[in-house]
Amino acid sequence: MSEQDPSAGTGASDLPHDSAALTTWLTTLVHNREYGTLAELRRSRVRTNAHIRAGWYGGDDHRDLFERVAFLFAIYHQGCPTPSYGHGSLGAAARRIGDGTGRGPDNPGAQRLLDRVVASRRVPWRHLQHAITRLRSCEQPPPSWATLTEDLIRWNDRKARIAYEWSVHFHTPPGATGKRGTNP
């Protein structure tokens, strides 16, 4: 007698977390103008129902990480009338940070910020918040929230080399193809 997978045919993932569902829920908050819930997510020191709900998407292993990504999302979308799913990695997004004097590697502030992010052994939450705030102030799109979440889950995986990948994406010129065949 063979066992059947209870998630077979239901579309459920075999992963204990769902970063795409978190992104969908967060963008729905912006789309439905649920500013109170987004404000709760911006309160990082107080654990609210919104934080708990964001943590549900992370399962037991990644609850805190998902709550913190929801915080970053809420910071970026403060006062925004339309949601942004973002695109690319944080390295590609950091390449868009800057002003008239230069962006990305040509901007010393963006270069220092990315250097601080990728030099960290632990997930650099404070520097990530600064990067998201800088993207918002430069009116540039954020990184893909689902990709950011997955990258942060694998931050300490030496084989994944997330910090290295972000550095490559930051320094890769626009239009150049990278290892994956596209420049995020």
N, C-alpha and C. Protein backbone atom coordinates (compact mmCIF):
# COMPACT_ATOMS: atom_id res chain seq x y z
N MET A 1 0.84 -1.18 0.00
CA MET A 1 0.00 0.00 0.00
C MET A 1 0.88 1.24 0.00
N SER A 2 0.60 2.15 -0.89
CA SER A 2 1.42 3.35 -0.98
C SER A 2 0.73 4.51 -0.28
N GLU A 3 1.56 5.36 0.30
CA GLU A 3 1.03 6.55 0.97
C GLU A 3 0.89 7.65 -0.05
N GLN A 4 -0.12 8.45 0.12
CA GLN A 4 -0.30 9.59 -0.75
C GLN A 4 0.09 10.84 0.00
N ASP A 5 0.68 11.76 -0.75
CA ASP A 5 1.05 13.05 -0.18
C ASP A 5 -0.22 13.86 0.03
N PRO A 6 -0.51 14.30 1.29
CA PRO A 6 -1.73 15.05 1.52
C PRO A 6 -1.78 16.37 0.78
N SER A 7 -0.61 16.91 0.38
CA SER A 7 -0.62 18.18 -0.34
C SER A 7 -0.73 17.98 -1.85
N ALA A 8 -0.70 16.72 -2.32
CA ALA A 8 -0.76 16.45 -3.75
C ALA A 8 -2.08 16.95 -4.31
N GLY A 9 -1.95 17.73 -5.38
CA GLY A 9 -3.14 18.23 -6.04
C GLY A 9 -3.75 19.46 -5.39
N THR A 10 -3.25 19.89 -4.24
CA THR A 10 -3.83 21.05 -3.59
C THR A 10 -3.05 22.32 -3.90
N GLY A 11 -1.89 22.16 -4.56
CA GLY A 11 -1.06 23.32 -4.85
C GLY A 11 -0.22 23.73 -3.67
N ALA A 12 -0.29 23.00 -2.58
CA ALA A 12 0.49 23.35 -1.40
C ALA A 12 1.95 23.03 -1.65
N SER A 13 2.79 23.87 -1.12
CA SER A 13 4.22 23.69 -1.28
C SER A 13 4.75 22.72 -0.25
N ASP A 14 5.84 22.02 -0.60
CA ASP A 14 6.44 21.13 0.37
C ASP A 14 7.37 21.90 1.31
N LEU A 15 7.49 23.20 1.10
CA LEU A 15 8.29 24.04 1.98
C LEU A 15 7.46 24.46 3.18
N PRO A 16 8.10 24.60 4.34
CA PRO A 16 7.35 25.02 5.52
C PRO A 16 7.08 26.52 5.55
N HIS A 17 7.47 27.23 4.51
CA HIS A 17 7.23 28.67 4.45
C HIS A 17 6.73 29.03 3.05
N ASP A 18 6.16 30.22 2.93
CA ASP A 18 5.60 30.64 1.65
C ASP A 18 5.82 32.14 1.47
N SER A 19 6.96 32.50 0.87
CA SER A 19 7.30 33.91 0.70
C SER A 19 6.39 34.59 -0.34
N ALA A 20 5.93 33.84 -1.32
CA ALA A 20 5.03 34.43 -2.32
C ALA A 20 3.69 34.79 -1.67
N ALA A 21 3.19 33.95 -0.78
CA ALA A 21 1.93 34.25 -0.09
C ALA A 21 2.09 35.47 0.83
N LEU A 22 3.25 35.59 1.47
CA LEU A 22 3.51 36.77 2.30
C LEU A 22 3.46 38.03 1.44
N THR A 23 4.12 37.99 0.28
CA THR A 23 4.13 39.13 -0.62
C THR A 23 2.72 39.47 -1.09
N THR A 24 1.96 38.45 -1.42
CA THR A 24 0.58 38.68 -1.86
C THR A 24 -0.24 39.35 -0.76
N TRP A 25 -0.12 38.85 0.47
CA TRP A 25 -0.86 39.44 1.59
C TRP A 25 -0.44 40.89 1.81
N LEU A 26 0.85 41.15 1.78
CA LEU A 26 1.34 42.51 2.02
C LEU A 26 0.88 43.47 0.93
N THR A 27 0.96 43.06 -0.33
CA THR A 27 0.51 43.94 -1.41
C THR A 27 -1.00 44.15 -1.36
N THR A 28 -1.73 43.17 -0.88
CA THR A 28 -3.18 43.32 -0.71
C THR A 28 -3.47 44.39 0.34
N LEU A 29 -2.66 44.46 1.39
CA LEU A 29 -2.85 45.51 2.40
C LEU A 29 -2.73 46.90 1.78
N VAL A 30 -1.76 47.08 0.91
CA VAL A 30 -1.58 48.38 0.25
C VAL A 30 -2.74 48.63 -0.71
N HIS A 31 -3.06 47.62 -1.52
CA HIS A 31 -4.13 47.76 -2.51
C HIS A 31 -5.47 48.10 -1.85
N ASN A 32 -5.76 47.45 -0.71
CA ASN A 32 -7.02 47.69 0.01
C ASN A 32 -6.95 48.87 0.97
N ARG A 33 -5.83 49.56 0.96
CA ARG A 33 -5.62 50.75 1.80
C ARG A 33 -5.80 50.45 3.29
N GLU A 34 -5.27 49.34 3.73
CA GLU A 34 -5.32 48.97 5.14
C GLU A 34 -4.11 49.59 5.85
N TYR A 35 -4.16 50.92 5.95
CA TYR A 35 -3.03 51.68 6.48
C TYR A 35 -2.78 51.41 7.95
N GLY A 36 -3.81 51.08 8.69
CA GLY A 36 -3.63 50.75 10.10
C GLY A 36 -2.79 49.50 10.29
N THR A 37 -3.04 48.49 9.48
CA THR A 37 -2.27 47.24 9.56
C THR A 37 -0.83 47.49 9.14
N LEU A 38 -0.63 48.29 8.08
CA LEU A 38 0.73 48.62 7.65
C LEU A 38 1.45 49.42 8.72
N ALA A 39 0.74 50.30 9.41
CA ALA A 39 1.35 51.07 10.50
C ALA A 39 1.77 50.14 11.63
N GLU A 40 0.94 49.14 11.92
CA GLU A 40 1.30 48.16 12.95
C GLU A 40 2.59 47.43 12.57
N LEU A 41 2.73 47.09 11.29
CA LEU A 41 3.94 46.38 10.84
C LEU A 41 5.18 47.26 10.96
N ARG A 42 5.02 48.58 10.89
CA ARG A 42 6.17 49.47 11.03
C ARG A 42 6.62 49.62 12.48
N ARG A 43 5.82 49.16 13.41
CA ARG A 43 6.21 49.21 14.83
C ARG A 43 7.02 47.96 15.15
N SER A 44 8.31 48.08 15.02
CA SER A 44 9.17 46.89 15.16
C SER A 44 9.33 46.43 16.61
N ARG A 45 9.16 47.31 17.56
CA ARG A 45 9.39 46.94 18.96
C ARG A 45 8.16 46.31 19.62
N VAL A 46 7.00 46.47 19.00
CA VAL A 46 5.75 45.97 19.57
C VAL A 46 5.24 44.83 18.69
N ARG A 47 4.97 43.70 19.30
CA ARG A 47 4.45 42.56 18.54
C ARG A 47 2.93 42.70 18.44
N THR A 48 2.43 42.88 17.23
CA THR A 48 1.00 43.10 17.00
C THR A 48 0.41 41.91 16.25
N ASN A 49 -0.91 41.95 16.08
CA ASN A 49 -1.57 40.89 15.30
C ASN A 49 -1.04 40.84 13.88
N ALA A 50 -0.70 42.00 13.31
CA ALA A 50 -0.16 42.03 11.95
C ALA A 50 1.18 41.29 11.89
N HIS A 51 2.03 41.47 12.90
CA HIS A 51 3.31 40.75 12.93
C HIS A 51 3.07 39.25 13.04
N ILE A 52 2.14 38.86 13.88
CA ILE A 52 1.84 37.44 14.06
C ILE A 52 1.35 36.84 12.75
N ARG A 53 0.48 37.57 12.06
CA ARG A 53 -0.03 37.06 10.79
C ARG A 53 1.08 36.93 9.75
N ALA A 54 1.98 37.91 9.69
CA ALA A 54 3.12 37.82 8.76
C ALA A 54 3.98 36.61 9.11
N GLY A 55 4.14 36.34 10.39
CA GLY A 55 4.93 35.21 10.83
C GLY A 55 4.34 33.87 10.45
N TRP A 56 3.02 33.80 10.31
CA TRP A 56 2.36 32.55 9.91
C TRP A 56 2.93 32.02 8.60
N TYR A 57 3.22 32.94 7.68
CA TYR A 57 3.70 32.52 6.36
C TYR A 57 5.09 31.90 6.44
N GLY A 58 5.81 32.16 7.53
CA GLY A 58 7.16 31.64 7.67
C GLY A 58 7.25 30.29 8.34
N GLY A 59 6.15 29.81 8.87
CA GLY A 59 6.21 28.55 9.61
C GLY A 59 7.00 28.73 10.89
N ASP A 60 7.25 27.65 11.58
CA ASP A 60 7.96 27.72 12.86
C ASP A 60 9.41 28.14 12.71
N ASP A 61 10.05 27.74 11.62
CA ASP A 61 11.48 27.99 11.46
C ASP A 61 11.82 29.43 11.07
N HIS A 62 10.92 30.11 10.37
CA HIS A 62 11.25 31.42 9.82
C HIS A 62 10.27 32.51 10.24
N ARG A 63 9.57 32.30 11.31
CA ARG A 63 8.56 33.26 11.76
C ARG A 63 9.14 34.67 11.94
N ASP A 64 10.23 34.79 12.66
CA ASP A 64 10.83 36.09 12.93
C ASP A 64 11.30 36.76 11.65
N LEU A 65 11.91 36.01 10.75
CA LEU A 65 12.39 36.55 9.49
C LEU A 65 11.23 37.11 8.67
N PHE A 66 10.13 36.40 8.60
CA PHE A 66 8.96 36.87 7.84
C PHE A 66 8.37 38.13 8.47
N GLU A 67 8.36 38.21 9.78
CA GLU A 67 7.87 39.41 10.45
C GLU A 67 8.76 40.61 10.11
N ARG A 68 10.05 40.38 10.05
CA ARG A 68 10.99 41.48 9.75
C ARG A 68 10.90 41.90 8.28
N VAL A 69 10.68 40.96 7.38
CA VAL A 69 10.50 41.33 5.97
C VAL A 69 9.20 42.14 5.83
N ALA A 70 8.17 41.77 6.56
CA ALA A 70 6.92 42.54 6.54
C ALA A 70 7.18 43.97 7.04
N PHE A 71 8.04 44.11 8.05
CA PHE A 71 8.42 45.43 8.55
C PHE A 71 9.09 46.24 7.43
N LEU A 72 10.03 45.62 6.72
CA LEU A 72 10.72 46.31 5.62
C LEU A 72 9.73 46.73 4.53
N PHE A 73 8.80 45.82 4.20
CA PHE A 73 7.77 46.11 3.21
C PHE A 73 6.94 47.33 3.65
N ALA A 74 6.54 47.35 4.91
CA ALA A 74 5.72 48.45 5.42
C ALA A 74 6.49 49.77 5.42
N ILE A 75 7.78 49.71 5.70
CA ILE A 75 8.62 50.92 5.64
C ILE A 75 8.64 51.47 4.22
N TYR A 76 8.85 50.60 3.26
CA TYR A 76 8.91 51.04 1.86
C TYR A 76 7.57 51.62 1.40
N HIS A 77 6.47 51.01 1.81
CA HIS A 77 5.16 51.39 1.30
C HIS A 77 4.45 52.45 2.14
N GLN A 78 5.13 53.06 3.08
CA GLN A 78 4.50 54.10 3.90
C GLN A 78 4.03 55.24 3.00
N GLY A 79 2.73 55.44 2.96
CA GLY A 79 2.15 56.51 2.16
C GLY A 79 2.03 56.21 0.68
N CYS A 80 2.37 55.03 0.24
CA CYS A 80 2.27 54.67 -1.18
C CYS A 80 0.85 54.21 -1.51
N PRO A 81 0.27 54.75 -2.57
CA PRO A 81 -1.10 54.35 -2.93
C PRO A 81 -1.17 53.03 -3.69
N THR A 82 -0.07 52.63 -4.33
CA THR A 82 -0.06 51.38 -5.09
C THR A 82 1.06 50.47 -4.59
N PRO A 83 0.80 49.17 -4.55
CA PRO A 83 1.83 48.24 -4.07
C PRO A 83 2.90 47.99 -5.11
N SER A 84 4.09 47.66 -4.64
CA SER A 84 5.18 47.32 -5.52
C SER A 84 5.71 45.94 -5.14
N TYR A 85 5.62 45.00 -6.08
CA TYR A 85 6.17 43.66 -5.85
C TYR A 85 7.69 43.68 -5.92
N GLY A 86 8.23 44.71 -6.55
CA GLY A 86 9.67 44.82 -6.72
C GLY A 86 10.17 43.86 -7.78
N HIS A 87 11.48 43.93 -8.04
CA HIS A 87 12.08 42.98 -8.96
C HIS A 87 13.58 42.89 -8.70
N GLY A 88 14.11 41.72 -8.97
CA GLY A 88 15.54 41.49 -8.79
C GLY A 88 15.94 41.28 -7.35
N SER A 89 17.23 41.14 -7.16
CA SER A 89 17.79 40.92 -5.83
C SER A 89 18.04 42.27 -5.15
N LEU A 90 18.46 42.22 -3.90
CA LEU A 90 18.80 43.46 -3.21
C LEU A 90 20.01 44.12 -3.88
N GLY A 91 20.94 43.33 -4.39
CA GLY A 91 22.10 43.89 -5.08
C GLY A 91 21.69 44.67 -6.32
N ALA A 92 20.76 44.13 -7.09
CA ALA A 92 20.26 44.83 -8.28
C ALA A 92 19.49 46.08 -7.87
N ALA A 93 18.74 46.00 -6.78
CA ALA A 93 18.00 47.17 -6.31
C ALA A 93 18.96 48.25 -5.82
N ALA A 94 20.01 47.85 -5.09
CA ALA A 94 20.99 48.81 -4.59
C ALA A 94 21.69 49.53 -5.73
N ARG A 95 21.76 48.89 -6.89
CA ARG A 95 22.35 49.52 -8.06
C ARG A 95 21.53 50.75 -8.49
N ARG A 96 20.27 50.80 -8.10
CA ARG A 96 19.39 51.93 -8.47
C ARG A 96 19.46 53.07 -7.46
N ILE A 97 20.18 52.89 -6.35
CA ILE A 97 20.29 53.93 -5.34
C ILE A 97 21.26 55.00 -5.82
N GLY A 98 20.87 56.24 -5.67
CA GLY A 98 21.75 57.33 -6.03
C GLY A 98 20.98 58.57 -6.45
N ASP A 99 21.72 59.49 -7.03
CA ASP A 99 21.13 60.76 -7.45
C ASP A 99 21.75 61.17 -8.77
N GLY A 100 21.70 62.46 -9.07
CA GLY A 100 22.22 62.95 -10.34
C GLY A 100 23.71 62.74 -10.52
N THR A 101 24.46 62.58 -9.44
CA THR A 101 25.91 62.40 -9.57
C THR A 101 26.29 60.96 -9.89
N GLY A 102 25.38 60.03 -9.70
CA GLY A 102 25.67 58.64 -10.02
C GLY A 102 24.76 57.70 -9.25
N ARG A 103 24.62 56.52 -9.78
CA ARG A 103 23.82 55.48 -9.13
C ARG A 103 24.66 54.22 -8.98
N GLY A 104 24.27 53.42 -8.01
CA GLY A 104 24.93 52.13 -7.81
C GLY A 104 26.41 52.27 -7.53
N PRO A 105 27.25 51.54 -8.27
CA PRO A 105 28.69 51.57 -8.03
C PRO A 105 29.31 52.96 -8.21
N ASP A 106 28.63 53.83 -8.98
CA ASP A 106 29.13 55.19 -9.19
C ASP A 106 28.74 56.14 -8.06
N ASN A 107 27.96 55.66 -7.11
CA ASN A 107 27.54 56.48 -5.98
C ASN A 107 28.24 55.96 -4.72
N PRO A 108 29.11 56.76 -4.11
CA PRO A 108 29.85 56.29 -2.92
C PRO A 108 28.95 55.84 -1.78
N GLY A 109 27.83 56.51 -1.58
CA GLY A 109 26.90 56.13 -0.50
C GLY A 109 26.29 54.77 -0.74
N ALA A 110 25.88 54.50 -1.99
CA ALA A 110 25.31 53.20 -2.33
C ALA A 110 26.37 52.11 -2.20
N GLN A 111 27.59 52.42 -2.60
CA GLN A 111 28.69 51.46 -2.50
C GLN A 111 28.97 51.10 -1.04
N ARG A 112 29.04 52.11 -0.17
CA ARG A 112 29.29 51.86 1.26
C ARG A 112 28.15 51.06 1.88
N LEU A 113 26.91 51.38 1.51
CA LEU A 113 25.76 50.68 2.05
C LEU A 113 25.80 49.20 1.67
N LEU A 114 26.03 48.92 0.40
CA LEU A 114 26.09 47.52 -0.01
C LEU A 114 27.28 46.80 0.64
N ASP A 115 28.40 47.50 0.78
CA ASP A 115 29.56 46.89 1.45
C ASP A 115 29.20 46.48 2.87
N ARG A 116 28.46 47.32 3.59
CA ARG A 116 28.05 46.98 4.96
C ARG A 116 27.09 45.80 4.98
N VAL A 117 26.19 45.75 4.01
CA VAL A 117 25.23 44.64 3.95
C VAL A 117 25.95 43.32 3.71
N VAL A 118 26.80 43.26 2.69
CA VAL A 118 27.40 41.98 2.31
C VAL A 118 28.53 41.55 3.25
N ALA A 119 29.06 42.47 4.06
CA ALA A 119 30.13 42.11 4.98
C ALA A 119 29.61 41.43 6.25
N SER A 120 28.32 41.47 6.46
CA SER A 120 27.75 40.95 7.69
C SER A 120 27.62 39.43 7.67
N ARG A 121 27.97 38.81 8.79
CA ARG A 121 27.79 37.36 8.90
C ARG A 121 26.35 37.01 9.24
N ARG A 122 25.73 37.81 10.07
CA ARG A 122 24.32 37.63 10.39
C ARG A 122 23.49 38.45 9.41
N VAL A 123 22.20 38.18 9.37
CA VAL A 123 21.32 38.98 8.50
C VAL A 123 21.39 40.43 8.99
N PRO A 124 21.81 41.35 8.11
CA PRO A 124 22.05 42.74 8.50
C PRO A 124 20.77 43.59 8.49
N TRP A 125 19.89 43.37 9.44
CA TRP A 125 18.58 44.01 9.43
C TRP A 125 18.66 45.53 9.40
N ARG A 126 19.53 46.12 10.19
CA ARG A 126 19.62 47.58 10.24
C ARG A 126 20.04 48.14 8.88
N HIS A 127 21.00 47.50 8.24
CA HIS A 127 21.48 47.96 6.93
C HIS A 127 20.44 47.69 5.84
N LEU A 128 19.70 46.59 5.97
CA LEU A 128 18.62 46.32 5.02
C LEU A 128 17.55 47.40 5.13
N GLN A 129 17.22 47.79 6.35
CA GLN A 129 16.24 48.87 6.54
C GLN A 129 16.75 50.16 5.89
N HIS A 130 18.02 50.44 6.06
CA HIS A 130 18.59 51.63 5.45
C HIS A 130 18.52 51.55 3.92
N ALA A 131 18.81 50.38 3.35
CA ALA A 131 18.76 50.21 1.90
C ALA A 131 17.33 50.41 1.38
N ILE A 132 16.36 49.84 2.08
CA ILE A 132 14.95 49.99 1.66
C ILE A 132 14.52 51.45 1.77
N THR A 133 14.95 52.12 2.82
CA THR A 133 14.62 53.54 3.00
C THR A 133 15.25 54.37 1.90
N ARG A 134 16.49 54.07 1.53
CA ARG A 134 17.17 54.80 0.45
C ARG A 134 16.47 54.56 -0.89
N LEU A 135 16.04 53.33 -1.16
CA LEU A 135 15.31 53.07 -2.40
C LEU A 135 14.02 53.88 -2.45
N ARG A 136 13.33 53.94 -1.33
CA ARG A 136 12.08 54.70 -1.27
C ARG A 136 12.35 56.19 -1.49
N SER A 137 13.39 56.72 -0.84
CA SER A 137 13.68 58.15 -0.98
C SER A 137 14.16 58.50 -2.39
N CYS A 138 14.78 57.55 -3.09
CA CYS A 138 15.21 57.77 -4.47
C CYS A 138 14.10 57.47 -5.47
N GLU A 139 12.94 57.08 -4.95
CA GLU A 139 11.79 56.73 -5.78
C GLU A 139 12.13 55.62 -6.78
N GLN A 140 12.85 54.62 -6.28
CA GLN A 140 13.23 53.47 -7.09
C GLN A 140 12.49 52.23 -6.60
N PRO A 141 12.23 51.28 -7.49
CA PRO A 141 11.51 50.06 -7.06
C PRO A 141 12.36 49.24 -6.09
N PRO A 142 11.70 48.56 -5.18
CA PRO A 142 12.41 47.73 -4.21
C PRO A 142 12.86 46.42 -4.84
N PRO A 143 13.62 45.62 -4.10
CA PRO A 143 13.90 44.27 -4.60
C PRO A 143 12.62 43.45 -4.57
N SER A 144 12.61 42.35 -5.28
CA SER A 144 11.46 41.45 -5.20
C SER A 144 11.34 40.99 -3.76
N TRP A 145 10.16 41.19 -3.17
CA TRP A 145 9.97 40.84 -1.76
C TRP A 145 10.08 39.34 -1.55
N ALA A 146 9.56 38.56 -2.49
CA ALA A 146 9.64 37.10 -2.36
C ALA A 146 11.10 36.64 -2.49
N THR A 147 11.83 37.23 -3.44
CA THR A 147 13.24 36.88 -3.60
C THR A 147 14.05 37.30 -2.39
N LEU A 148 13.78 38.50 -1.87
CA LEU A 148 14.48 38.97 -0.68
C LEU A 148 14.27 38.00 0.48
N THR A 149 13.03 37.57 0.66
CA THR A 149 12.72 36.64 1.74
C THR A 149 13.48 35.34 1.58
N GLU A 150 13.46 34.78 0.38
CA GLU A 150 14.17 33.52 0.13
C GLU A 150 15.68 33.69 0.31
N ASP A 151 16.21 34.82 -0.15
CA ASP A 151 17.64 35.07 0.01
C ASP A 151 18.02 35.16 1.49
N LEU A 152 17.20 35.82 2.28
CA LEU A 152 17.50 35.96 3.71
C LEU A 152 17.39 34.62 4.44
N ILE A 153 16.48 33.76 3.99
CA ILE A 153 16.39 32.43 4.58
C ILE A 153 17.70 31.68 4.35
N ARG A 154 18.31 31.88 3.18
CA ARG A 154 19.54 31.16 2.84
C ARG A 154 20.80 31.98 3.13
N TRP A 155 20.68 33.06 3.88
CA TRP A 155 21.80 33.98 4.14
C TRP A 155 23.05 33.25 4.65
N ASN A 156 22.89 32.34 5.58
CA ASN A 156 24.03 31.65 6.19
C ASN A 156 24.43 30.36 5.47
N ASP A 157 23.79 30.05 4.36
CA ASP A 157 24.12 28.87 3.57
C ASP A 157 25.32 29.21 2.69
N ARG A 158 26.46 28.63 3.01
CA ARG A 158 27.69 28.96 2.28
C ARG A 158 27.62 28.59 0.81
N LYS A 159 26.85 27.57 0.49
CA LYS A 159 26.73 27.16 -0.91
C LYS A 159 25.87 28.16 -1.71
N ALA A 160 24.92 28.79 -1.06
CA ALA A 160 24.04 29.74 -1.73
C ALA A 160 24.79 31.05 -2.07
N ARG A 161 25.71 31.46 -1.21
CA ARG A 161 26.53 32.65 -1.44
C ARG A 161 25.70 33.89 -1.78
N ILE A 162 24.72 34.15 -0.95
CA ILE A 162 23.79 35.25 -1.21
C ILE A 162 24.51 36.59 -1.24
N ALA A 163 25.37 36.86 -0.27
CA ALA A 163 26.09 38.14 -0.23
C ALA A 163 26.93 38.33 -1.51
N TYR A 164 27.57 37.27 -1.93
CA TYR A 164 28.37 37.33 -3.17
C TYR A 164 27.47 37.64 -4.37
N GLU A 165 26.33 36.93 -4.47
CA GLU A 165 25.41 37.16 -5.58
C GLU A 165 24.91 38.61 -5.59
N TRP A 166 24.60 39.15 -4.41
CA TRP A 166 24.15 40.54 -4.34
C TRP A 166 25.25 41.49 -4.83
N SER A 167 26.49 41.20 -4.48
CA SER A 167 27.61 42.03 -4.94
C SER A 167 27.74 41.96 -6.46
N VAL A 168 27.61 40.77 -7.01
CA VAL A 168 27.69 40.61 -8.47
C VAL A 168 26.58 41.39 -9.14
N HIS A 169 25.36 41.29 -8.62
CA HIS A 169 24.22 42.01 -9.22
C HIS A 169 24.41 43.52 -9.10
N PHE A 170 25.02 43.96 -8.02
CA PHE A 170 25.26 45.40 -7.82
C PHE A 170 26.26 45.93 -8.85
N HIS A 171 27.30 45.15 -9.13
CA HIS A 171 28.37 45.63 -10.00
C HIS A 171 28.18 45.27 -11.47
N THR A 172 27.22 44.41 -11.80
CA THR A 172 26.98 44.04 -13.19
C THR A 172 26.33 45.20 -13.93
N PRO A 173 26.94 45.64 -15.04
CA PRO A 173 26.36 46.76 -15.79
C PRO A 173 24.98 46.40 -16.34
N PRO A 174 24.10 47.39 -16.46
CA PRO A 174 22.77 47.12 -17.03
C PRO A 174 22.90 46.53 -18.44
N GLY A 175 22.07 45.57 -18.72
CA GLY A 175 22.07 44.95 -20.04
C GLY A 175 23.03 43.78 -20.17
N ALA A 176 23.99 43.67 -19.25
CA ALA A 176 24.91 42.52 -19.29
C ALA A 176 24.21 41.31 -18.71
N THR A 177 24.47 40.16 -19.29
CA THR A 177 23.85 38.94 -18.78
C THR A 177 24.75 38.33 -17.72
N GLY A 178 24.13 37.87 -16.68
CA GLY A 178 24.87 37.25 -15.58
C GLY A 178 24.85 35.75 -15.67
N LYS A 179 25.20 35.13 -14.57
CA LYS A 179 25.28 33.67 -14.47
C LYS A 179 23.95 33.01 -14.76
N ARG A 180 22.87 33.66 -14.35
CA ARG A 180 21.53 33.08 -14.52
C ARG A 180 20.94 33.39 -15.89
N GLY A 181 21.67 34.13 -16.72
CA GLY A 181 21.16 34.44 -18.04
C GLY A 181 20.47 35.79 -18.11
N THR A 182 20.20 36.40 -16.97
CA THR A 182 19.57 37.71 -16.96
C THR A 182 20.19 38.55 -15.86
N ASN A 183 20.12 39.82 -16.03
CA ASN A 183 20.57 40.73 -14.99
C ASN A 183 19.34 41.15 -14.20
N PRO A 184 19.23 40.73 -12.95
CA PRO A 184 18.00 40.98 -12.18
C PRO A 184 17.69 42.43 -12.01
